[in-house]
Amino acid sequence: MELRNLLMILFFAFLLLTLLTLLLVPRYDEEIQQVTVELGKGTAVVNQAVIFGDASKCDVLQGAENKACLEQLQFNQALAAADVGGCEGLSFVESCKNLIYFNKAVSGKDKAFCNQITDERMREMCNAA
């Protein structure tokens, strides 16, 4: 039971850290919101795709909405797995990678990840955290 509680605490700490990171870095948040704005009525579909981790949910959308839905799903999966390789192919690949490196540096208290961040302002924030 203790291990389960510890894992839950770590999971919620990771989620909290991710949310705080998005709030601290508005430029990256704006890029993610731009993808959501492009979805228009498809936001509910995107939410379902993300919640269930199911790309087939995006199939009901067409064109740019479908692409944005798949990108949002891919981004969320990369972020949850802390896998920069999962960012490849996204229209905001560098922002995605930078955010994952930032999360790794802060959550793991390993400043070495800060050096891999390409955005200077974000790198400075990482080193200061």
Protein backbone atom coordinates (compact mmCIF):
# COMPACT_ATOMS: atom_id res chain seq x y z
CA MET A 1 0.00 0.00 0.00
CA GLU A 2 2.86 2.41 0.77
CA LEU A 3 4.40 1.89 -2.66
CA ARG A 4 1.08 2.66 -4.29
CA ASN A 5 0.75 5.88 -2.30
CA LEU A 6 4.29 6.88 -3.20
CA LEU A 7 3.64 6.26 -6.90
CA MET A 8 0.45 8.31 -6.75
CA ILE A 9 2.28 11.18 -5.05
CA LEU A 10 5.03 11.07 -7.68
CA PHE A 11 2.48 10.99 -10.48
CA PHE A 12 0.58 14.00 -9.13
CA ALA A 13 3.84 15.84 -8.49
CA PHE A 14 4.79 15.28 -12.13
CA LEU A 15 1.41 16.58 -13.29
CA LEU A 16 1.70 19.62 -11.04
CA LEU A 17 5.21 20.31 -12.30
CA THR A 18 4.00 20.05 -15.89
CA LEU A 19 1.17 22.49 -15.25
CA LEU A 20 3.47 24.95 -13.50
CA THR A 21 5.93 24.73 -16.36
CA LEU A 22 3.22 25.56 -18.86
CA LEU A 23 2.21 28.55 -16.78
CA LEU A 24 5.79 29.78 -16.41
CA VAL A 25 6.54 29.58 -20.09
CA PRO A 26 3.70 31.46 -21.81
CA ARG A 27 5.32 31.43 -25.24
CA TYR A 28 5.17 27.65 -25.39
CA ASP A 29 1.71 27.64 -23.92
CA GLU A 30 0.60 29.98 -26.73
CA GLU A 31 1.93 27.57 -29.36
CA ILE A 32 -0.01 24.72 -27.80
CA GLN A 33 -3.13 26.87 -27.53
CA GLN A 34 -2.76 27.79 -31.21
CA VAL A 35 -3.12 24.11 -32.06
CA THR A 36 -6.25 23.95 -29.89
CA VAL A 37 -7.73 27.11 -31.46
CA GLU A 38 -7.28 25.61 -34.91
CA LEU A 39 -9.44 22.72 -33.82
CA GLY A 40 -12.57 24.81 -33.28
CA LYS A 41 -15.43 22.37 -32.75
CA GLY A 42 -13.02 19.45 -32.63
CA THR A 43 -11.82 20.26 -29.12
CA ALA A 44 -14.06 17.61 -27.58
CA VAL A 45 -12.68 15.06 -30.03
CA VAL A 46 -9.12 16.05 -29.13
CA ASN A 47 -9.92 15.71 -25.44
CA GLN A 48 -11.27 12.22 -26.03
CA ALA A 49 -8.22 11.25 -28.10
CA VAL A 50 -5.88 12.49 -25.37
CA ILE A 51 -7.80 10.93 -22.48
CA PHE A 52 -8.01 7.54 -24.17
CA GLY A 53 -4.65 7.78 -25.94
CA ASP A 54 -6.44 6.76 -29.11
CA ALA A 55 -5.44 8.35 -32.43
CA SER A 56 -8.48 6.82 -34.15
CA LYS A 57 -10.67 9.33 -32.27
CA CYS A 58 -9.11 12.03 -34.51
CA ASP A 59 -10.42 10.27 -37.64
CA VAL A 60 -13.75 12.11 -37.44
CA LEU A 61 -11.90 15.39 -38.09
CA GLN A 62 -10.73 16.48 -41.52
CA GLY A 63 -7.67 18.28 -42.85
CA ALA A 64 -5.95 20.71 -40.48
CA GLU A 65 -8.22 19.73 -37.59
CA ASN A 66 -7.20 16.08 -37.94
CA LYS A 67 -3.51 17.00 -38.09
CA ALA A 68 -3.81 19.27 -35.04
CA CYS A 69 -5.63 16.53 -33.11
CA LEU A 70 -2.91 14.00 -33.90
CA GLU A 71 -0.22 16.53 -32.95
CA GLN A 72 -1.87 17.26 -29.61
CA LEU A 73 -2.12 13.55 -28.88
CA GLN A 74 1.52 12.99 -29.87
CA PHE A 75 2.64 15.95 -27.73
CA ASN A 76 0.75 14.71 -24.67
CA GLN A 77 2.17 11.22 -25.07
CA ALA A 78 5.72 12.56 -25.45
CA LEU A 79 5.27 14.78 -22.40
CA ALA A 80 3.80 11.99 -20.27
CA ALA A 81 6.60 9.60 -21.25
CA ALA A 82 9.25 12.34 -20.95
CA ASP A 83 10.46 11.19 -24.37
CA VAL A 84 12.00 13.85 -26.62
CA GLY A 85 11.92 11.38 -29.49
CA GLY A 86 8.14 11.58 -29.31
CA CYS A 87 8.37 15.24 -30.35
CA GLU A 88 9.73 14.41 -33.82
CA GLY A 89 7.35 15.41 -36.58
CA LEU A 90 5.48 18.00 -34.53
CA SER A 91 5.18 21.52 -35.93
CA PHE A 92 6.53 22.75 -32.58
CA VAL A 93 9.24 20.09 -32.15
CA GLU A 94 11.79 22.37 -30.44
CA SER A 95 9.25 23.71 -27.97
CA CYS A 96 8.19 20.16 -27.15
CA LYS A 97 11.77 19.01 -26.58
CA ASN A 98 12.61 22.08 -24.51
CA LEU A 99 9.62 21.50 -22.26
CA ILE A 100 10.56 17.87 -21.69
CA TYR A 101 14.18 18.79 -20.91
CA PHE A 102 12.94 21.48 -18.52
CA ASN A 103 10.66 18.99 -16.74
CA LYS A 104 13.48 16.45 -16.47
CA ALA A 105 15.85 19.05 -15.05
CA VAL A 106 13.40 20.33 -12.47
CA SER A 107 11.74 17.07 -11.44
CA GLY A 108 14.98 15.10 -11.37
CA LYS A 109 16.99 18.00 -9.96
CA ASP A 110 19.54 17.39 -12.71
CA LYS A 111 20.69 20.69 -14.21
CA ALA A 112 22.54 18.83 -17.00
CA PHE A 113 19.24 18.72 -18.90
CA CYS A 114 19.14 22.55 -18.87
CA ASN A 115 22.09 22.60 -21.28
CA GLN A 116 20.03 20.75 -23.90
CA ILE A 117 17.34 23.45 -23.97
CA THR A 118 17.70 25.49 -27.18
CA ASP A 119 15.65 28.50 -26.10
CA GLU A 120 17.93 30.87 -24.17
CA ARG A 121 15.23 32.33 -21.92
CA MET A 122 13.91 28.93 -20.98
CA ARG A 123 17.46 27.66 -20.36
CA GLU A 124 18.04 30.56 -17.98
CA MET A 125 14.79 29.76 -16.15
CA CYS A 126 15.85 26.14 -15.92
CA ASN A 127 19.23 26.97 -14.45
CA ALA A 128 17.59 29.33 -11.96
CA ALA A 129 14.99 26.78 -10.83
